[in-house]
């Protein structure tokens, strides 16, 4: 039930993310003016702005001029709804099992931080695919919100180790990407470096296995995608490929499955 409610909330956030994805790279306000049809300029009424449902009822067309509305809009809304529901399914049970009010509050703060990361991940991945940029307007607030919420959660529970890990993770993962950006100019952008530092904060706060798996998965997935592009002749050696989506996907693999994957790997090594 809780996951369903959070999923519905995710759909609403997905509707807002559609605005963010289009406007932020163009330096436009995400608040004003209201969303409008790109064909006739008519402002979209509230009744036509219900995530997924409105697009289906309108059969993917503007009510006023019948201009086609991209299917990406409802897909982002539906995808964000499912994403939020998955985060809830993964972390709400531990929250419910928390001891005392302090544990519940700390768990809620961590859950909000992860949901904020989920929404930001959708926006950043699609923006990077669209314009090959990771805007500071999204990355920097993601760091600030995560640092504040996760630090407060750790202070409430007295988990100093999580805070120390988060600090180390920020420096280490950000440092690795900075070294790569300096060693291979044009290979990594500073947007990737800043995002790496942010992901290091979240992943290391959760644990070392999450950090290790999240970091390694990003390079494996990105490398595999690059090989596929080369084999299918959709890219040439030296071609620039957006890496942000793979960093984010790798991070979420670490968040959802970091501990079991790391444990299985160590077991194979006999450690």
Protein backbone atom coordinates (compact mmCIF):
# COMPACT_ATOMS: atom_id res chain seq x y z
CA UNK A 1 0.00 0.00 0.00
CA UNK A 2 2.77 2.43 0.96
CA UNK A 3 4.71 1.55 -2.19
CA UNK A 4 1.60 2.20 -4.30
CA UNK A 5 1.09 5.63 -2.73
CA UNK A 6 4.75 6.52 -3.23
CA UNK A 7 4.48 5.24 -6.80
CA UNK A 8 1.52 7.56 -7.51
CA UNK A 9 3.54 10.42 -6.04
CA UNK A 10 6.36 9.38 -8.37
CA UNK A 11 4.02 9.75 -11.33
CA UNK A 12 3.31 13.34 -10.31
CA UNK A 13 7.04 13.96 -9.94
CA UNK A 14 7.54 12.42 -13.38
CA UNK A 15 5.15 14.98 -14.86
CA UNK A 16 7.27 17.74 -13.35
CA UNK A 17 10.47 16.06 -14.55
CA UNK A 18 9.24 16.35 -18.13
CA UNK A 19 9.30 20.11 -17.63
CA UNK A 20 12.74 19.95 -15.99
CA UNK A 21 14.20 17.80 -18.77
CA UNK A 22 13.09 20.22 -21.45
CA UNK A 23 13.64 23.57 -19.75
CA UNK A 24 16.74 23.27 -17.55
CA UNK A 25 19.22 22.66 -20.43
CA UNK A 26 17.76 25.71 -22.17
CA UNK A 27 18.13 27.93 -19.11
CA UNK A 28 14.36 28.36 -18.76
CA UNK A 29 12.33 28.59 -15.56
CA UNK A 30 10.65 25.35 -14.51
CA UNK A 31 7.83 27.31 -12.88
CA UNK A 32 6.78 29.99 -15.37
CA UNK A 33 5.23 30.04 -17.87
CA UNK A 34 2.91 27.04 -17.44
CA UNK A 35 3.31 24.08 -19.78
CA UNK A 36 1.85 24.69 -23.24
CA UNK A 37 1.31 22.82 -26.50
CA UNK A 38 4.35 23.30 -28.77
CA UNK A 39 2.01 23.43 -31.76
CA UNK A 40 -0.61 26.05 -30.90
CA UNK A 41 0.86 27.52 -27.71
CA UNK A 42 -2.32 26.80 -25.72
CA UNK A 43 -1.63 26.35 -21.99
CA UNK A 44 -2.26 22.79 -20.86
CA UNK A 45 -5.30 22.60 -18.56
CA UNK A 46 -5.06 20.80 -15.22
CA UNK A 47 -7.49 18.14 -16.44
CA UNK A 48 -5.07 17.39 -19.28
CA UNK A 49 -2.06 17.18 -16.99
CA UNK A 50 -2.86 13.99 -15.10
CA UNK A 51 0.19 11.71 -15.44
CA UNK A 52 -0.22 9.01 -18.12
CA UNK A 53 -4.04 9.08 -17.92
CA UNK A 54 -4.47 12.41 -19.73
CA UNK A 55 -2.18 11.36 -22.58
CA UNK A 56 -4.17 8.15 -23.05
CA UNK A 57 -7.54 9.93 -22.94
CA UNK A 58 -6.34 12.51 -25.47
CA UNK A 59 -4.86 9.71 -27.59
CA UNK A 60 -1.52 11.46 -27.54
CA UNK A 61 -2.75 14.70 -29.11
CA UNK A 62 -3.36 18.30 -28.03
CA UNK A 63 -7.00 18.92 -27.13
CA UNK A 64 -6.96 22.25 -28.97
CA UNK A 65 -5.00 21.73 -32.22
CA UNK A 66 -4.57 17.93 -32.28
CA UNK A 67 -0.79 18.20 -32.56
CA UNK A 68 0.84 14.89 -31.62
CA UNK A 69 2.31 14.76 -28.09
CA UNK A 70 5.44 12.64 -27.76
CA UNK A 71 4.99 9.27 -26.05
CA UNK A 72 8.09 10.11 -24.03
CA UNK A 73 6.00 12.23 -21.68
CA UNK A 74 3.81 9.41 -20.33
CA UNK A 75 6.77 7.01 -20.41
CA UNK A 76 8.76 9.33 -18.13
CA UNK A 77 5.76 9.62 -15.81
CA UNK A 78 5.15 5.88 -15.73
CA UNK A 79 8.85 5.09 -15.39
CA UNK A 80 9.26 7.50 -12.49
CA UNK A 81 6.18 6.05 -10.78
CA UNK A 82 7.59 2.53 -11.04
CA UNK A 83 11.03 3.74 -9.95
CA UNK A 84 9.63 5.37 -6.80
CA UNK A 85 7.57 2.26 -6.04
CA UNK A 86 10.69 0.06 -6.34
CA UNK A 87 12.63 2.33 -3.98
CA UNK A 88 9.75 2.11 -1.52
CA UNK A 89 9.56 -1.68 -1.77
CA UNK A 90 13.30 -1.92 -1.13
CA UNK A 91 13.59 0.48 1.81
CA UNK A 92 10.18 0.92 3.49
CA UNK A 93 10.23 -2.53 5.19
CA UNK A 94 13.43 -1.59 7.03
CA UNK A 95 11.85 1.74 7.94
CA UNK A 96 8.78 0.04 9.41
CA UNK A 97 11.02 -2.32 11.40
CA UNK A 98 12.97 0.60 12.91
CA UNK A 99 13.11 0.82 16.70
CA UNK A 100 11.54 3.90 18.25
CA UNK A 101 10.63 7.30 16.89
CA UNK A 102 14.26 8.30 16.28
CA UNK A 103 14.83 5.29 14.05
CA UNK A 104 11.67 5.97 12.06
CA UNK A 105 12.56 9.64 11.55
CA UNK A 106 16.10 8.74 10.49
CA UNK A 107 14.74 6.15 8.08
CA UNK A 108 12.27 8.62 6.61
CA UNK A 109 15.05 11.13 5.97
CA UNK A 110 17.11 8.49 4.19
CA UNK A 111 14.08 7.42 2.13
CA UNK A 112 13.40 11.01 1.06
CA UNK A 113 17.07 11.40 0.08
CA UNK A 114 16.90 8.26 -2.08
CA UNK A 115 13.63 9.33 -3.71
CA UNK A 116 15.21 12.69 -4.50
CA UNK A 117 18.12 10.82 -6.04
CA UNK A 118 15.69 8.68 -8.05
CA UNK A 119 13.89 11.68 -9.52
CA UNK A 120 17.16 13.47 -10.24
CA UNK A 121 18.53 10.32 -11.88
CA UNK A 122 15.67 10.27 -14.39
CA UNK A 123 16.18 13.93 -15.25
CA UNK A 124 19.97 13.75 -15.49
CA UNK A 125 20.02 10.57 -17.58
CA UNK A 126 17.60 11.94 -20.17
CA UNK A 127 19.21 15.37 -20.30
CA UNK A 128 22.63 13.80 -20.82
CA UNK A 129 21.23 11.66 -23.64
CA UNK A 130 19.56 14.71 -25.19
CA UNK A 131 22.27 17.36 -24.94
CA UNK A 132 25.29 15.56 -23.41
CA UNK A 133 25.31 17.75 -20.33
CA UNK A 134 24.77 17.19 -16.61
CA UNK A 135 23.47 20.60 -15.47
CA UNK A 136 24.76 22.11 -12.23
CA UNK A 137 21.18 23.21 -11.56
CA UNK A 138 20.34 19.56 -10.85
CA UNK A 139 23.67 18.06 -9.71
CA UNK A 140 24.51 20.63 -7.03
CA UNK A 141 21.09 20.57 -5.28
CA UNK A 142 21.30 16.77 -5.39
CA UNK A 143 24.54 16.95 -3.41
CA UNK A 144 23.22 19.50 -0.93
CA UNK A 145 19.92 17.70 -0.30
CA UNK A 146 21.68 14.36 0.07
CA UNK A 147 24.34 15.73 2.40
CA UNK A 148 21.79 17.45 4.65
CA UNK A 149 19.28 14.58 4.84
CA UNK A 150 21.81 11.76 5.20
CA UNK A 151 23.90 13.68 7.74
CA UNK A 152 20.81 14.43 9.81
CA UNK A 153 19.76 10.79 9.62
CA UNK A 154 23.19 9.66 10.85
CA UNK A 155 23.24 12.23 13.66
CA UNK A 156 19.84 11.01 14.88
CA UNK A 157 20.99 7.38 14.98
CA UNK A 158 24.55 8.18 16.07
CA UNK A 159 25.95 6.39 13.02
CA UNK A 160 29.29 8.16 12.69
CA UNK A 161 30.66 5.41 10.45
CA UNK A 162 28.10 6.17 7.74
CA UNK A 163 29.11 9.83 7.80
CA UNK A 164 32.79 8.94 7.52
CA UNK A 165 32.08 6.56 4.64
CA UNK A 166 30.04 9.23 2.86
CA UNK A 167 32.88 11.72 3.10
CA UNK A 168 35.44 9.21 1.87
CA UNK A 169 33.15 8.03 -0.93
CA UNK A 170 32.63 11.58 -2.14
CA UNK A 171 36.36 12.24 -2.30
CA UNK A 172 37.39 8.86 -3.71
CA UNK A 173 34.82 8.49 -6.49
CA UNK A 174 35.01 12.16 -7.39
CA UNK A 175 38.81 11.93 -7.36
CA UNK A 176 38.87 8.88 -9.64
CA UNK A 177 36.70 10.62 -12.22
CA UNK A 178 38.72 13.82 -11.94
CA UNK A 179 41.91 11.86 -12.61
CA UNK A 180 40.29 10.24 -15.65
CA UNK A 181 39.07 13.61 -16.93
CA UNK A 182 42.57 15.06 -16.65
CA UNK A 183 44.31 11.99 -18.07
CA UNK A 184 41.99 11.63 -21.06
CA UNK A 185 40.77 15.09 -22.14
CA UNK A 186 37.40 14.81 -23.83
CA UNK A 187 36.77 11.37 -22.35
CA UNK A 188 35.10 12.59 -19.18
CA UNK A 189 33.51 15.97 -18.61
CA UNK A 190 33.45 17.94 -15.38
CA UNK A 191 29.75 17.15 -15.16
CA UNK A 192 30.70 13.48 -14.84
CA UNK A 193 33.23 14.38 -12.14
CA UNK A 194 30.68 16.31 -10.09
CA UNK A 195 28.06 13.60 -10.49
CA UNK A 196 30.60 10.97 -9.40
CA UNK A 197 31.25 12.88 -6.18
CA UNK A 198 27.51 13.06 -5.51
CA UNK A 199 26.99 9.36 -6.19
CA UNK A 200 29.97 8.57 -3.98
CA UNK A 201 28.18 10.35 -1.13
CA UNK A 202 24.97 8.34 -1.47
CA UNK A 203 26.57 4.98 -2.20
CA UNK A 204 29.20 5.08 0.53
CA UNK A 205 26.65 6.27 3.09
CA UNK A 206 24.75 3.05 2.41
CA UNK A 207 27.91 0.93 2.62
CA UNK A 208 31.23 -0.03 1.02
CA UNK A 209 29.66 -2.85 -1.06
CA UNK A 210 27.19 -0.38 -2.57
CA UNK A 211 30.01 1.99 -3.47
CA UNK A 212 32.20 -0.72 -5.02
CA UNK A 213 29.43 -2.36 -7.03
CA UNK A 214 27.96 0.96 -8.13
CA UNK A 215 31.31 2.27 -9.36
CA UNK A 216 32.35 -0.92 -11.13
CA UNK A 217 28.92 -1.48 -12.72
CA UNK A 218 29.03 1.98 -14.30
CA UNK A 219 32.28 1.24 -16.13
CA UNK A 220 31.21 -2.27 -17.14
CA UNK A 221 27.87 -1.10 -18.53
CA UNK A 222 29.34 1.95 -20.24
CA UNK A 223 32.16 -0.10 -21.73
CA UNK A 224 29.79 -2.80 -22.96
CA UNK A 225 27.54 -0.18 -24.56
CA UNK A 226 30.56 1.36 -26.28
CA UNK A 227 31.61 -2.01 -27.69
CA UNK A 228 28.08 -2.62 -29.00
CA UNK A 229 28.11 0.77 -30.72
CA UNK A 230 31.45 -0.02 -32.36
CA UNK A 231 30.36 -3.47 -33.51
CA UNK A 232 27.12 -2.11 -34.98
CA UNK A 233 29.03 0.78 -36.59
CA UNK A 234 26.92 3.36 -34.77
CA UNK A 235 30.07 4.95 -33.38
CA UNK A 236 33.75 5.18 -34.24
CA UNK A 237 36.84 5.05 -32.06
CA UNK A 238 37.14 8.33 -30.23
CA UNK A 239 33.41 9.08 -30.50
CA UNK A 240 31.90 10.79 -27.49
CA UNK A 241 29.22 8.77 -25.67
CA UNK A 242 27.15 10.15 -22.76
CA UNK A 243 28.39 8.38 -19.63
CA UNK A 244 26.01 9.92 -17.10
CA UNK A 245 23.21 7.39 -17.71
CA UNK A 246 25.59 4.50 -17.06
CA UNK A 247 26.94 6.13 -13.91
CA UNK A 248 23.38 6.48 -12.63
CA UNK A 249 22.32 2.97 -13.66
CA UNK A 250 25.43 1.52 -12.05
CA UNK A 251 24.74 3.48 -8.87
CA UNK A 252 21.22 2.10 -8.62
CA UNK A 253 22.48 -1.43 -9.16
CA UNK A 254 24.78 -0.77 -6.23
CA UNK A 255 21.93 0.64 -4.14
CA UNK A 256 19.51 -2.22 -4.82
CA UNK A 257 21.89 -5.16 -5.02
CA UNK A 258 25.33 -4.01 -3.86
CA UNK A 259 25.55 -6.21 -0.78
CA UNK A 260 24.46 -9.54 -2.33
CA UNK A 261 26.56 -8.98 -5.47
CA UNK A 262 29.67 -8.10 -3.47
CA UNK A 263 29.09 -11.03 -1.12
CA UNK A 264 28.67 -13.46 -4.03
CA UNK A 265 31.84 -12.21 -5.69
CA UNK A 266 33.86 -12.57 -2.48
CA UNK A 267 32.46 -16.07 -1.98
CA UNK A 268 33.66 -17.05 -5.45
CA UNK A 269 37.12 -15.86 -4.46
CA UNK A 270 36.90 -17.87 -1.26
CA UNK A 271 37.07 -14.75 0.90
